[in-house]
């Protein structure tokens, strides 16, 4: 008997959706801020800065602690950030509760799984390998993998193509308006996780469904497949 997830494509955002990366991102950002003579920021602040890539997070961190940074300064700070972050990428980052069970279930039903993230590809791969999650995914598409990135729909559609999927049998799972905008523009249903790093309240994102725990994801997606 056919299962709803046979030949389905499920594309996940990474930071704040699959993995709680805020602790290590906060450490790396504060490493940069302190080197620049700024005050450290707390993890809750950083959760609202994630989603547009490390450069934009550093830009936000600088703006929150004093004068904005110039583009040239951001280039220099990015190198400092990356040097620290790659060395500590999974010190305190962990998959959200229930992620492993969901990925195992979807894999067992032969769903095509991919990651579409505004994190750089090599960092995304390194993080997922450190947490032994990379084995579940047919493609890991980062901010620098394609010419476009979320919220451009081409980023999501390109990820679907790379896993060998069909957008008419696809669902996006994310935690921010960036994910929702990309999915809506691509014509793909989107499930919002409410426990991630939202830039606005989850109920204001206009996602097609929302879940408070990964235990609810399978049921939430079945209505779209």
N, C-alpha and C. Protein backbone atom coordinates (compact mmCIF):
# COMPACT_ATOMS: atom_id res chain seq x y z
N UNK A 1 0.85 -1.20 0.00
CA UNK A 1 0.00 0.00 0.00
C UNK A 1 0.89 1.25 0.00
N UNK A 2 0.53 2.21 -0.83
CA UNK A 2 1.31 3.45 -0.92
C UNK A 2 1.17 4.25 0.37
N UNK A 3 2.24 4.92 0.71
CA UNK A 3 2.26 5.77 1.90
C UNK A 3 2.33 7.22 1.44
N UNK A 4 1.73 8.17 2.19
CA UNK A 4 1.76 9.58 1.77
C UNK A 4 3.16 10.13 1.51
N UNK A 5 4.17 9.53 2.16
CA UNK A 5 5.51 10.08 2.02
C UNK A 5 6.36 9.36 0.97
N UNK A 6 5.77 8.34 0.31
CA UNK A 6 6.48 7.71 -0.78
C UNK A 6 6.70 8.73 -1.89
N UNK A 7 7.94 8.94 -2.26
CA UNK A 7 8.31 9.88 -3.33
C UNK A 7 8.01 11.34 -2.99
N UNK A 8 7.71 11.63 -1.74
CA UNK A 8 7.52 13.03 -1.34
C UNK A 8 8.89 13.68 -1.12
N UNK A 9 8.91 14.99 -1.20
CA UNK A 9 10.14 15.75 -0.95
C UNK A 9 9.90 16.68 0.22
N UNK A 10 10.74 16.57 1.23
CA UNK A 10 10.63 17.43 2.41
C UNK A 10 11.94 18.22 2.52
N UNK A 11 11.82 19.54 2.50
CA UNK A 11 12.99 20.42 2.56
C UNK A 11 12.97 21.18 3.87
N UNK A 12 14.07 21.09 4.61
CA UNK A 12 14.18 21.72 5.92
C UNK A 12 15.13 22.92 5.89
N UNK A 13 14.76 23.96 6.60
CA UNK A 13 15.72 24.98 6.99
C UNK A 13 16.62 24.33 8.04
N UNK A 14 17.75 24.99 8.36
CA UNK A 14 18.69 24.38 9.30
C UNK A 14 18.67 25.04 10.68
N UNK A 15 19.22 26.25 10.78
CA UNK A 15 19.30 26.94 12.07
C UNK A 15 17.91 27.31 12.58
N UNK A 16 17.57 26.83 13.76
CA UNK A 16 16.27 27.16 14.34
C UNK A 16 15.15 26.26 13.88
N UNK A 17 15.46 25.36 12.94
CA UNK A 17 14.45 24.42 12.45
C UNK A 17 14.87 22.98 12.76
N UNK A 18 16.00 22.56 12.22
CA UNK A 18 16.51 21.23 12.54
C UNK A 18 17.36 21.24 13.80
N UNK A 19 18.19 22.27 13.91
CA UNK A 19 19.19 22.30 14.98
C UNK A 19 19.11 23.61 15.76
N UNK A 20 19.20 23.49 17.08
CA UNK A 20 19.29 24.67 17.95
C UNK A 20 20.76 25.10 17.98
N UNK A 21 21.10 25.99 17.07
CA UNK A 21 22.48 26.44 16.90
C UNK A 21 22.79 27.74 17.64
N UNK A 22 21.79 28.33 18.26
CA UNK A 22 21.97 29.64 18.89
C UNK A 22 23.12 29.69 19.89
N UNK A 23 23.34 28.66 20.72
CA UNK A 23 24.45 28.75 21.68
C UNK A 23 25.81 28.96 21.02
N UNK A 24 26.10 28.20 19.97
CA UNK A 24 27.40 28.34 19.32
C UNK A 24 27.48 29.58 18.44
N UNK A 25 26.37 29.98 17.85
CA UNK A 25 26.35 31.23 17.09
C UNK A 25 26.56 32.42 18.02
N UNK A 26 25.96 32.36 19.20
CA UNK A 26 26.12 33.44 20.17
C UNK A 26 27.58 33.56 20.60
N UNK A 27 28.22 32.43 20.87
CA UNK A 27 29.63 32.44 21.27
C UNK A 27 30.50 33.05 20.18
N UNK A 28 30.26 32.66 18.94
CA UNK A 28 31.07 33.17 17.83
C UNK A 28 30.82 34.65 17.60
N UNK A 29 29.57 35.07 17.68
CA UNK A 29 29.26 36.49 17.51
C UNK A 29 29.89 37.31 18.61
N UNK A 30 29.78 36.85 19.84
CA UNK A 30 30.37 37.58 20.96
C UNK A 30 31.90 37.61 20.89
N UNK A 31 32.49 36.60 20.33
CA UNK A 31 33.94 36.59 20.11
C UNK A 31 34.33 37.78 19.22
N UNK A 32 33.52 38.02 18.19
CA UNK A 32 33.77 39.14 17.29
C UNK A 32 33.48 40.47 17.99
N UNK A 33 32.34 40.56 18.65
CA UNK A 33 31.95 41.82 19.29
C UNK A 33 32.96 42.24 20.35
N UNK A 34 33.41 41.32 21.17
CA UNK A 34 34.38 41.64 22.21
C UNK A 34 35.72 42.05 21.59
N UNK A 35 36.09 41.43 20.48
CA UNK A 35 37.32 41.80 19.79
C UNK A 35 37.23 43.22 19.23
N UNK A 36 36.00 43.66 18.97
CA UNK A 36 35.77 45.01 18.45
C UNK A 36 35.51 46.02 19.57
N UNK A 37 35.66 45.58 20.81
CA UNK A 37 35.44 46.48 21.94
C UNK A 37 33.98 46.73 22.26
N UNK A 38 33.11 45.85 21.79
CA UNK A 38 31.68 46.00 22.04
C UNK A 38 31.25 45.12 23.21
N UNK A 39 30.02 45.35 23.67
CA UNK A 39 29.42 44.51 24.70
C UNK A 39 28.95 43.20 24.07
N UNK A 40 28.98 42.13 24.85
CA UNK A 40 28.42 40.87 24.39
C UNK A 40 26.90 40.97 24.35
N UNK A 41 26.28 40.16 23.50
CA UNK A 41 24.82 40.08 23.45
C UNK A 41 24.40 38.72 23.99
N UNK A 42 23.15 38.62 24.46
CA UNK A 42 22.72 37.34 25.01
C UNK A 42 22.07 36.48 23.94
N UNK A 43 21.92 35.21 24.28
CA UNK A 43 21.41 34.25 23.32
C UNK A 43 20.03 34.57 22.79
N UNK A 44 19.20 35.17 23.61
CA UNK A 44 17.85 35.50 23.17
C UNK A 44 17.87 36.56 22.08
N UNK A 45 18.78 37.54 22.21
CA UNK A 45 18.94 38.54 21.15
C UNK A 45 19.39 37.88 19.85
N UNK A 46 20.33 36.97 19.96
CA UNK A 46 20.88 36.33 18.76
C UNK A 46 19.82 35.52 18.03
N UNK A 47 18.91 34.92 18.77
CA UNK A 47 17.85 34.13 18.14
C UNK A 47 17.02 34.96 17.16
N UNK A 48 16.98 36.26 17.36
CA UNK A 48 16.23 37.13 16.45
C UNK A 48 17.11 37.70 15.34
N UNK A 49 18.40 37.35 15.35
CA UNK A 49 19.34 37.83 14.33
C UNK A 49 19.67 36.74 13.30
N UNK A 50 19.26 35.51 13.58
CA UNK A 50 19.60 34.37 12.74
C UNK A 50 18.61 34.27 11.58
N UNK A 51 19.07 33.79 10.44
CA UNK A 51 18.16 33.52 9.33
C UNK A 51 18.60 34.10 8.01
N UNK A 52 19.46 35.12 8.07
CA UNK A 52 19.92 35.75 6.84
C UNK A 52 21.41 35.56 6.60
N UNK A 53 22.02 34.64 7.36
CA UNK A 53 23.44 34.39 7.20
C UNK A 53 24.28 35.09 8.25
N UNK A 54 25.53 34.65 8.38
CA UNK A 54 26.42 35.16 9.43
C UNK A 54 26.73 36.64 9.27
N UNK A 55 26.92 37.08 8.03
CA UNK A 55 27.27 38.48 7.81
C UNK A 55 26.18 39.41 8.34
N UNK A 56 24.93 39.07 8.05
CA UNK A 56 23.81 39.90 8.52
C UNK A 56 23.67 39.80 10.03
N UNK A 57 24.00 38.65 10.60
CA UNK A 57 23.96 38.52 12.06
C UNK A 57 25.01 39.42 12.71
N UNK A 58 26.21 39.45 12.13
CA UNK A 58 27.25 40.33 12.66
C UNK A 58 26.83 41.78 12.50
N UNK A 59 26.25 42.11 11.35
CA UNK A 59 25.77 43.48 11.12
C UNK A 59 24.76 43.87 12.20
N UNK A 60 23.83 42.96 12.49
CA UNK A 60 22.82 43.22 13.51
C UNK A 60 23.45 43.34 14.89
N UNK A 61 24.43 42.48 15.17
CA UNK A 61 25.10 42.54 16.46
C UNK A 61 25.85 43.84 16.67
N UNK A 62 26.50 44.32 15.64
CA UNK A 62 27.21 45.60 15.73
C UNK A 62 26.23 46.75 15.91
N UNK A 63 25.13 46.73 15.16
CA UNK A 63 24.14 47.79 15.28
C UNK A 63 23.49 47.81 16.66
N UNK A 64 23.37 46.62 17.27
CA UNK A 64 22.73 46.53 18.59
C UNK A 64 23.65 46.98 19.72
N UNK A 65 24.94 47.10 19.43
CA UNK A 65 25.90 47.41 20.50
C UNK A 65 26.68 48.71 20.25
N UNK A 66 26.26 49.48 19.26
CA UNK A 66 26.96 50.74 18.98
C UNK A 66 26.81 51.16 17.54
N UNK A 67 27.83 51.80 17.01
CA UNK A 67 27.77 52.29 15.64
C UNK A 67 27.73 51.13 14.64
N UNK A 68 27.00 51.29 13.55
CA UNK A 68 26.96 50.24 12.52
C UNK A 68 28.35 49.99 11.94
N UNK A 69 28.56 48.80 11.43
CA UNK A 69 29.85 48.45 10.83
C UNK A 69 29.84 48.75 9.34
N UNK A 70 30.99 49.15 8.82
CA UNK A 70 31.13 49.37 7.38
C UNK A 70 31.25 48.02 6.69
N UNK A 71 31.07 48.02 5.38
CA UNK A 71 31.18 46.76 4.63
C UNK A 71 32.59 46.20 4.74
N UNK A 72 33.60 47.07 4.69
CA UNK A 72 34.99 46.61 4.82
C UNK A 72 35.23 45.98 6.19
N UNK A 73 34.66 46.61 7.23
CA UNK A 73 34.81 46.04 8.58
C UNK A 73 34.10 44.70 8.67
N UNK A 74 32.95 44.59 8.02
CA UNK A 74 32.21 43.32 8.05
C UNK A 74 33.00 42.22 7.37
N UNK A 75 33.73 42.55 6.30
CA UNK A 75 34.58 41.55 5.65
C UNK A 75 35.59 40.98 6.64
N UNK A 76 36.21 41.87 7.37
CA UNK A 76 37.23 41.46 8.35
C UNK A 76 36.59 40.67 9.50
N UNK A 77 35.45 41.13 9.97
CA UNK A 77 34.78 40.45 11.07
C UNK A 77 34.27 39.07 10.67
N UNK A 78 33.87 38.93 9.41
CA UNK A 78 33.42 37.62 8.93
C UNK A 78 34.53 36.59 9.05
N UNK A 79 35.74 36.98 8.70
CA UNK A 79 36.86 36.05 8.79
C UNK A 79 37.10 35.63 10.24
N UNK A 80 37.01 36.60 11.15
CA UNK A 80 37.18 36.32 12.57
C UNK A 80 36.07 35.39 13.07
N UNK A 81 34.86 35.70 12.66
CA UNK A 81 33.70 34.89 13.05
C UNK A 81 33.86 33.45 12.57
N UNK A 82 34.18 33.28 11.30
CA UNK A 82 34.27 31.95 10.72
C UNK A 82 35.38 31.12 11.35
N UNK A 83 36.48 31.78 11.64
CA UNK A 83 37.61 31.09 12.28
C UNK A 83 37.18 30.49 13.62
N UNK A 84 36.44 31.27 14.39
CA UNK A 84 35.98 30.79 15.70
C UNK A 84 34.85 29.78 15.55
N UNK A 85 33.89 30.08 14.68
CA UNK A 85 32.70 29.24 14.58
C UNK A 85 33.01 27.84 14.08
N UNK A 86 33.84 27.71 13.06
CA UNK A 86 34.13 26.40 12.50
C UNK A 86 34.85 25.52 13.53
N UNK A 87 35.59 26.15 14.44
CA UNK A 87 36.30 25.39 15.48
C UNK A 87 35.38 24.94 16.61
N UNK A 88 34.21 25.55 16.69
CA UNK A 88 33.28 25.26 17.80
C UNK A 88 31.86 25.03 17.30
N UNK A 89 31.73 24.52 16.08
CA UNK A 89 30.44 24.53 15.39
C UNK A 89 29.37 23.67 16.06
N UNK A 90 29.80 22.65 16.79
CA UNK A 90 28.81 21.79 17.45
C UNK A 90 29.13 21.58 18.92
N UNK A 91 29.78 22.55 19.53
CA UNK A 91 30.08 22.44 20.96
C UNK A 91 28.79 22.31 21.77
N UNK A 92 27.82 23.16 21.46
CA UNK A 92 26.57 23.19 22.22
C UNK A 92 25.33 23.15 21.35
N UNK A 93 25.50 22.99 20.05
CA UNK A 93 24.36 22.90 19.13
C UNK A 93 23.80 21.48 19.15
N UNK A 94 22.49 21.36 19.18
CA UNK A 94 21.85 20.05 19.24
C UNK A 94 20.59 20.03 18.36
N UNK A 95 20.26 18.86 17.79
CA UNK A 95 18.99 18.75 17.07
C UNK A 95 17.83 19.02 18.02
N UNK A 96 16.80 19.64 17.52
CA UNK A 96 15.62 19.86 18.34
C UNK A 96 14.99 18.51 18.69
N UNK A 97 14.31 18.47 19.81
CA UNK A 97 13.69 17.25 20.31
C UNK A 97 12.74 16.68 19.25
N UNK A 98 12.92 15.43 18.93
CA UNK A 98 12.05 14.75 17.98
C UNK A 98 12.57 14.73 16.55
N UNK A 99 13.62 15.49 16.25
CA UNK A 99 14.15 15.57 14.88
C UNK A 99 14.61 14.20 14.39
N UNK A 100 15.37 13.49 15.19
CA UNK A 100 15.91 12.20 14.75
C UNK A 100 14.80 11.21 14.42
N UNK A 101 13.77 11.19 15.23
CA UNK A 101 12.66 10.27 14.98
C UNK A 101 11.96 10.61 13.66
N UNK A 102 11.75 11.90 13.42
CA UNK A 102 11.08 12.32 12.19
C UNK A 102 11.92 11.98 10.97
N UNK A 103 13.21 12.28 11.02
CA UNK A 103 14.08 11.99 9.88
C UNK A 103 14.14 10.49 9.61
N UNK A 104 14.18 9.70 10.66
CA UNK A 104 14.20 8.24 10.51
C UNK A 104 12.92 7.74 9.86
N UNK A 105 11.79 8.28 10.32
CA UNK A 105 10.49 7.88 9.77
C UNK A 105 10.38 8.24 8.30
N UNK A 106 10.75 9.47 7.97
CA UNK A 106 10.65 9.92 6.58
C UNK A 106 11.59 9.12 5.68
N UNK A 107 12.78 8.84 6.17
CA UNK A 107 13.74 8.06 5.39
C UNK A 107 13.23 6.65 5.15
N UNK A 108 12.62 6.08 6.16
CA UNK A 108 12.08 4.72 6.04
C UNK A 108 11.00 4.64 4.97
N UNK A 109 10.29 5.74 4.75
CA UNK A 109 9.25 5.79 3.73
C UNK A 109 9.75 6.33 2.41
N UNK A 110 11.09 6.41 2.28
CA UNK A 110 11.73 6.79 1.01
C UNK A 110 11.44 8.21 0.58
N UNK A 111 11.12 9.09 1.53
CA UNK A 111 10.96 10.50 1.18
C UNK A 111 12.31 11.07 0.81
N UNK A 112 12.31 12.01 -0.11
CA UNK A 112 13.53 12.73 -0.48
C UNK A 112 13.70 13.89 0.49
N UNK A 113 14.84 13.97 1.13
CA UNK A 113 15.06 14.99 2.15
C UNK A 113 16.19 15.92 1.74
N UNK A 114 15.98 17.21 1.98
CA UNK A 114 17.02 18.18 1.67
C UNK A 114 17.06 19.29 2.70
N UNK A 115 18.17 20.01 2.72
CA UNK A 115 18.34 21.18 3.58
C UNK A 115 18.53 22.39 2.68
N UNK A 116 17.77 23.43 2.94
CA UNK A 116 17.86 24.70 2.22
C UNK A 116 18.07 25.79 3.26
N UNK A 117 19.30 26.30 3.35
CA UNK A 117 19.66 27.21 4.44
C UNK A 117 20.46 28.40 3.95
N UNK A 118 20.33 29.51 4.67
CA UNK A 118 21.14 30.69 4.38
C UNK A 118 22.47 30.65 5.12
N UNK A 119 22.81 29.51 5.69
CA UNK A 119 24.14 29.27 6.24
C UNK A 119 25.03 28.82 5.08
N UNK A 120 26.29 29.16 5.09
CA UNK A 120 27.18 28.73 4.02
C UNK A 120 27.21 27.21 3.92
N UNK A 121 27.38 26.73 2.71
CA UNK A 121 27.29 25.27 2.50
C UNK A 121 28.32 24.50 3.32
N UNK A 122 29.57 24.93 3.33
CA UNK A 122 30.58 24.14 4.03
C UNK A 122 30.33 24.12 5.54
N UNK A 123 29.76 25.21 6.07
CA UNK A 123 29.41 25.23 7.49
C UNK A 123 28.22 24.31 7.76
N UNK A 124 27.26 24.33 6.86
CA UNK A 124 26.08 23.47 7.02
C UNK A 124 26.46 22.00 7.01
N UNK A 125 27.31 21.64 6.06
CA UNK A 125 27.76 20.25 5.97
C UNK A 125 28.56 19.86 7.21
N UNK A 126 29.44 20.76 7.64
CA UNK A 126 30.26 20.47 8.83
C UNK A 126 29.39 20.28 10.06
N UNK A 127 28.38 21.12 10.23
CA UNK A 127 27.48 21.00 11.39
C UNK A 127 26.70 19.69 11.34
N UNK A 128 26.11 19.40 10.20
CA UNK A 128 25.30 18.19 10.09
C UNK A 128 26.15 16.93 10.24
N UNK A 129 27.38 16.96 9.76
CA UNK A 129 28.27 15.81 9.96
C UNK A 129 28.64 15.66 11.43
N UNK A 130 28.91 16.78 12.09
CA UNK A 130 29.28 16.72 13.51
C UNK A 130 28.16 16.14 14.35
N UNK A 131 26.92 16.34 13.92
CA UNK A 131 25.76 15.82 14.66
C UNK A 131 25.24 14.51 14.08
N UNK A 132 25.93 13.99 13.07
CA UNK A 132 25.56 12.74 12.40
C UNK A 132 24.16 12.81 11.79
N UNK A 133 23.83 13.98 11.25
CA UNK A 133 22.54 14.15 10.58
C UNK A 133 22.67 14.15 9.06
N UNK A 134 23.87 14.37 8.55
CA UNK A 134 24.06 14.52 7.11
C UNK A 134 23.59 13.29 6.33
N UNK A 135 23.65 12.12 6.97
CA UNK A 135 23.32 10.87 6.28
C UNK A 135 21.85 10.78 5.86
N UNK A 136 21.01 11.62 6.44
CA UNK A 136 19.60 11.59 6.09
C UNK A 136 19.27 12.39 4.82
N UNK A 137 20.18 13.26 4.40
CA UNK A 137 19.83 14.23 3.36
C UNK A 137 20.44 13.92 2.01
N UNK A 138 19.61 14.07 0.98
CA UNK A 138 20.06 13.87 -0.40
C UNK A 138 20.78 15.09 -0.95
N UNK A 139 20.55 16.25 -0.35
CA UNK A 139 21.24 17.47 -0.76
C UNK A 139 21.25 18.46 0.40
N UNK A 140 22.35 19.16 0.54
CA UNK A 140 22.48 20.23 1.53
C UNK A 140 22.87 21.48 0.76
N UNK A 141 21.93 22.40 0.63
CA UNK A 141 22.10 23.58 -0.22
C UNK A 141 22.20 24.82 0.66
N UNK A 142 23.37 25.44 0.64
CA UNK A 142 23.62 26.59 1.49
C UNK A 142 23.42 27.92 0.80
N UNK A 143 23.80 28.98 1.50
CA UNK A 143 23.63 30.33 0.98
C UNK A 143 24.48 30.59 -0.25
N UNK A 144 25.60 29.88 -0.36
CA UNK A 144 26.53 30.11 -1.46
C UNK A 144 26.55 28.97 -2.48
N UNK A 145 25.59 28.06 -2.39
CA UNK A 145 25.55 26.93 -3.32
C UNK A 145 25.02 27.34 -4.68
N UNK A 146 23.99 28.16 -4.67
CA UNK A 146 23.32 28.62 -5.89
C UNK A 146 23.51 30.13 -6.04
N UNK A 147 23.18 30.69 -7.19
CA UNK A 147 23.30 32.14 -7.36
C UNK A 147 22.32 32.95 -6.51
N UNK A 148 21.28 32.29 -5.99
CA UNK A 148 20.26 32.98 -5.18
C UNK A 148 20.15 32.31 -3.83
N UNK A 149 19.49 32.98 -2.90
CA UNK A 149 19.27 32.43 -1.57
C UNK A 149 17.91 32.88 -1.08
N UNK A 150 17.39 32.18 -0.08
CA UNK A 150 16.08 32.55 0.48
C UNK A 150 16.12 34.01 0.93
N UNK A 151 15.02 34.75 0.70
CA UNK A 151 13.67 34.32 0.31
C UNK A 151 13.43 34.13 -1.19
N UNK A 152 14.47 34.19 -2.01
CA UNK A 152 14.29 33.91 -3.44
C UNK A 152 13.79 32.47 -3.61
N UNK A 153 12.70 32.27 -4.33
CA UNK A 153 12.16 30.92 -4.48
C UNK A 153 13.11 29.97 -5.21
N UNK A 154 14.04 30.54 -5.98
CA UNK A 154 14.98 29.71 -6.71
C UNK A 154 15.86 28.88 -5.80
N UNK A 155 16.08 29.36 -4.59
CA UNK A 155 16.89 28.61 -3.62
C UNK A 155 16.17 27.32 -3.21
N UNK A 156 14.89 27.44 -2.91
CA UNK A 156 14.09 26.27 -2.54
C UNK A 156 13.87 25.35 -3.74
N UNK A 157 13.52 25.93 -4.88
CA UNK A 157 13.28 25.11 -6.07
C UNK A 157 14.55 24.39 -6.51
N UNK A 158 15.70 25.07 -6.34
CA UNK A 158 16.96 24.44 -6.67
C UNK A 158 17.27 23.28 -5.75
N UNK A 159 16.88 23.41 -4.49
CA UNK A 159 17.10 22.32 -3.53
C UNK A 159 16.21 21.12 -3.88
N UNK A 160 14.96 21.40 -4.22
CA UNK A 160 14.04 20.33 -4.63
C UNK A 160 14.60 19.59 -5.84
N UNK A 161 15.13 20.35 -6.78
CA UNK A 161 15.72 19.74 -7.99
C UNK A 161 16.91 18.87 -7.63
N UNK A 162 17.74 19.33 -6.71
CA UNK A 162 18.95 18.58 -6.34
C UNK A 162 18.66 17.28 -5.62
N UNK A 163 17.52 17.20 -4.93
CA UNK A 163 17.18 15.93 -4.28
C UNK A 163 16.39 15.01 -5.23
N UNK A 164 16.14 15.51 -6.44
CA UNK A 164 15.41 14.71 -7.41
C UNK A 164 13.92 14.70 -7.17
N UNK A 165 13.42 15.76 -6.55
CA UNK A 165 12.01 15.82 -6.20
C UNK A 165 11.16 16.61 -7.18
N UNK A 166 9.89 16.71 -6.84
CA UNK A 166 8.89 17.42 -7.64
C UNK A 166 8.20 18.41 -6.72
N UNK A 167 8.12 19.67 -7.11
CA UNK A 167 7.55 20.67 -6.21
C UNK A 167 6.07 20.43 -5.91
N UNK A 168 5.39 19.67 -6.77
CA UNK A 168 3.98 19.37 -6.52
C UNK A 168 3.81 18.31 -5.43
N UNK A 169 4.94 17.68 -5.04
CA UNK A 169 4.91 16.69 -3.96
C UNK A 169 5.94 17.07 -2.90
N UNK A 170 6.04 18.38 -2.67
CA UNK A 170 7.06 18.88 -1.74
C UNK A 170 6.43 19.71 -0.63
N UNK A 171 7.14 19.73 0.51
CA UNK A 171 6.76 20.56 1.66
C UNK A 171 8.05 21.18 2.21
N UNK A 172 7.95 22.45 2.60
CA UNK A 172 9.07 23.15 3.26
C UNK A 172 8.79 23.20 4.76
N UNK A 173 9.84 23.04 5.56
CA UNK A 173 9.72 23.18 7.01
C UNK A 173 10.72 24.25 7.44
N UNK A 174 10.23 25.31 8.10
CA UNK A 174 11.11 26.40 8.49
C UNK A 174 10.61 27.12 9.73
N UNK A 175 11.35 28.17 10.11
CA UNK A 175 11.00 28.85 11.36
C UNK A 175 10.90 30.37 11.21
N UNK A 176 11.08 30.90 10.00
CA UNK A 176 11.13 32.36 9.85
C UNK A 176 10.34 32.83 8.63
N UNK A 177 10.14 34.13 8.55
CA UNK A 177 9.46 34.69 7.38
C UNK A 177 10.28 34.47 6.12
N UNK A 178 11.58 34.36 6.25
CA UNK A 178 12.44 34.07 5.09
C UNK A 178 12.04 32.74 4.47
N UNK A 179 11.79 31.74 5.31
CA UNK A 179 11.38 30.43 4.82
C UNK A 179 9.98 30.49 4.21
N UNK A 180 9.08 31.18 4.89
CA UNK A 180 7.70 31.26 4.41
C UNK A 180 7.64 31.98 3.07
N UNK A 181 8.36 33.09 2.95
CA UNK A 181 8.36 33.85 1.69
C UNK A 181 8.91 33.02 0.54
N UNK A 182 10.00 32.28 0.80
CA UNK A 182 10.57 31.44 -0.25
C UNK A 182 9.59 30.37 -0.69
N UNK A 183 8.95 29.73 0.29
CA UNK A 183 8.00 28.66 -0.02
C UNK A 183 6.78 29.19 -0.77
N UNK A 184 6.23 30.30 -0.30
CA UNK A 184 5.05 30.87 -0.95
C UNK A 184 5.36 31.24 -2.39
N UNK A 185 6.52 31.87 -2.60
CA UNK A 185 6.90 32.28 -3.95
C UNK A 185 7.15 31.09 -4.86
N UNK A 186 7.57 29.97 -4.27
CA UNK A 186 7.83 28.76 -5.04
C UNK A 186 6.57 27.92 -5.25
N UNK A 187 5.49 28.27 -4.56
CA UNK A 187 4.26 27.49 -4.66
C UNK A 187 4.33 26.18 -3.92
N UNK A 188 5.07 26.18 -2.79
CA UNK A 188 5.26 24.97 -1.99
C UNK A 188 4.67 25.19 -0.61
N UNK A 189 3.87 24.26 -0.08
CA UNK A 189 3.33 24.41 1.28
C UNK A 189 4.46 24.50 2.29
N UNK A 190 4.23 25.27 3.37
CA UNK A 190 5.27 25.46 4.37
C UNK A 190 4.72 25.24 5.77
N UNK A 191 5.41 24.42 6.54
CA UNK A 191 5.08 24.18 7.94
C UNK A 191 6.06 24.97 8.79
N UNK A 192 5.53 25.80 9.69
CA UNK A 192 6.36 26.64 10.56
C UNK A 192 6.54 25.95 11.91
N UNK A 193 7.79 25.83 12.35
CA UNK A 193 8.05 25.35 13.71
C UNK A 193 8.07 26.56 14.63
N UNK A 194 7.33 26.48 15.72
CA UNK A 194 7.15 27.66 16.58
C UNK A 194 8.26 27.82 17.62
N UNK A 195 9.16 26.83 17.69
CA UNK A 195 10.19 26.84 18.74
C UNK A 195 11.55 27.31 18.23
N UNK A 196 11.61 27.79 16.99
CA UNK A 196 12.88 28.18 16.41
C UNK A 196 13.27 29.62 16.70
N UNK A 197 13.74 30.32 15.66
CA UNK A 197 14.24 31.69 15.81
C UNK A 197 13.39 32.63 14.96
N UNK A 198 12.13 32.81 15.32
CA UNK A 198 11.23 33.62 14.49
C UNK A 198 11.58 35.10 14.53
N UNK A 199 11.45 35.75 13.37
CA UNK A 199 11.65 37.20 13.31
C UNK A 199 10.35 37.95 13.59
N UNK A 200 9.23 37.25 13.45
CA UNK A 200 7.92 37.76 13.89
C UNK A 200 7.22 36.59 14.57
N UNK A 201 6.12 36.86 15.25
CA UNK A 201 5.38 35.78 15.91
C UNK A 201 4.97 34.72 14.87
N UNK A 202 5.15 33.45 15.19
CA UNK A 202 4.83 32.39 14.22
C UNK A 202 3.41 32.48 13.66
N UNK A 203 2.46 32.91 14.47
CA UNK A 203 1.09 32.97 13.97
C UNK A 203 0.86 34.15 13.02
N UNK A 204 1.88 34.99 12.85
CA UNK A 204 1.80 36.10 11.91
C UNK A 204 2.57 35.84 10.61
N UNK A 205 3.14 34.66 10.48
CA UNK A 205 3.97 34.35 9.31
C UNK A 205 3.17 33.88 8.10
N UNK A 206 1.92 33.51 8.32
CA UNK A 206 1.07 33.01 7.23
C UNK A 206 1.56 31.70 6.64
N UNK A 207 2.15 30.86 7.48
CA UNK A 207 2.49 29.52 7.03
C UNK A 207 1.23 28.70 6.81
N UNK A 208 1.38 27.57 6.15
CA UNK A 208 0.22 26.73 5.86
C UNK A 208 -0.16 25.84 7.04
N UNK A 209 0.80 25.64 7.94
CA UNK A 209 0.56 24.89 9.18
C UNK A 209 1.66 25.27 10.15
N UNK A 210 1.44 24.98 11.43
CA UNK A 210 2.45 25.28 12.45
C UNK A 210 2.48 24.14 13.46
N UNK A 211 3.68 23.85 13.97
CA UNK A 211 3.81 22.80 14.98
C UNK A 211 4.63 23.31 16.16
N UNK A 212 4.32 22.78 17.33
CA UNK A 212 5.03 23.14 18.55
C UNK A 212 6.08 22.11 18.93
N UNK A 213 6.07 20.95 18.23
CA UNK A 213 7.02 19.87 18.52
C UNK A 213 7.10 18.99 17.28
N UNK A 214 8.25 18.36 17.08
CA UNK A 214 8.41 17.50 15.91
C UNK A 214 7.50 16.28 15.93
N UNK A 215 6.97 15.93 17.08
CA UNK A 215 6.01 14.84 17.15
C UNK A 215 4.79 15.11 16.29
N UNK A 216 4.53 16.40 16.01
CA UNK A 216 3.34 16.78 15.25
C UNK A 216 3.61 16.99 13.77
N UNK A 217 4.86 16.83 13.33
CA UNK A 217 5.19 17.20 11.94
C UNK A 217 4.58 16.25 10.92
N UNK A 218 4.67 14.96 11.16
CA UNK A 218 4.17 14.00 10.18
C UNK A 218 2.69 14.26 9.88
N UNK A 219 1.90 14.42 10.92
CA UNK A 219 0.46 14.67 10.73
C UNK A 219 0.23 16.00 10.02
N UNK A 220 1.03 17.01 10.35
CA UNK A 220 0.85 18.33 9.73
C UNK A 220 1.14 18.28 8.24
N UNK A 221 2.10 17.47 7.82
CA UNK A 221 2.48 17.42 6.42
C UNK A 221 1.56 16.54 5.57
N UNK A 222 0.93 15.57 6.19
CA UNK A 222 0.11 14.62 5.43
C UNK A 222 -1.00 15.31 4.64
N UNK A 223 -1.48 16.44 5.16
CA UNK A 223 -2.57 17.13 4.48
C UNK A 223 -2.13 17.73 3.13
N UNK A 224 -0.81 17.86 2.94
CA UNK A 224 -0.31 18.48 1.70
C UNK A 224 0.21 17.45 0.69
N UNK A 225 0.19 16.17 1.06
CA UNK A 225 0.80 15.15 0.20
C UNK A 225 -0.20 14.09 -0.22
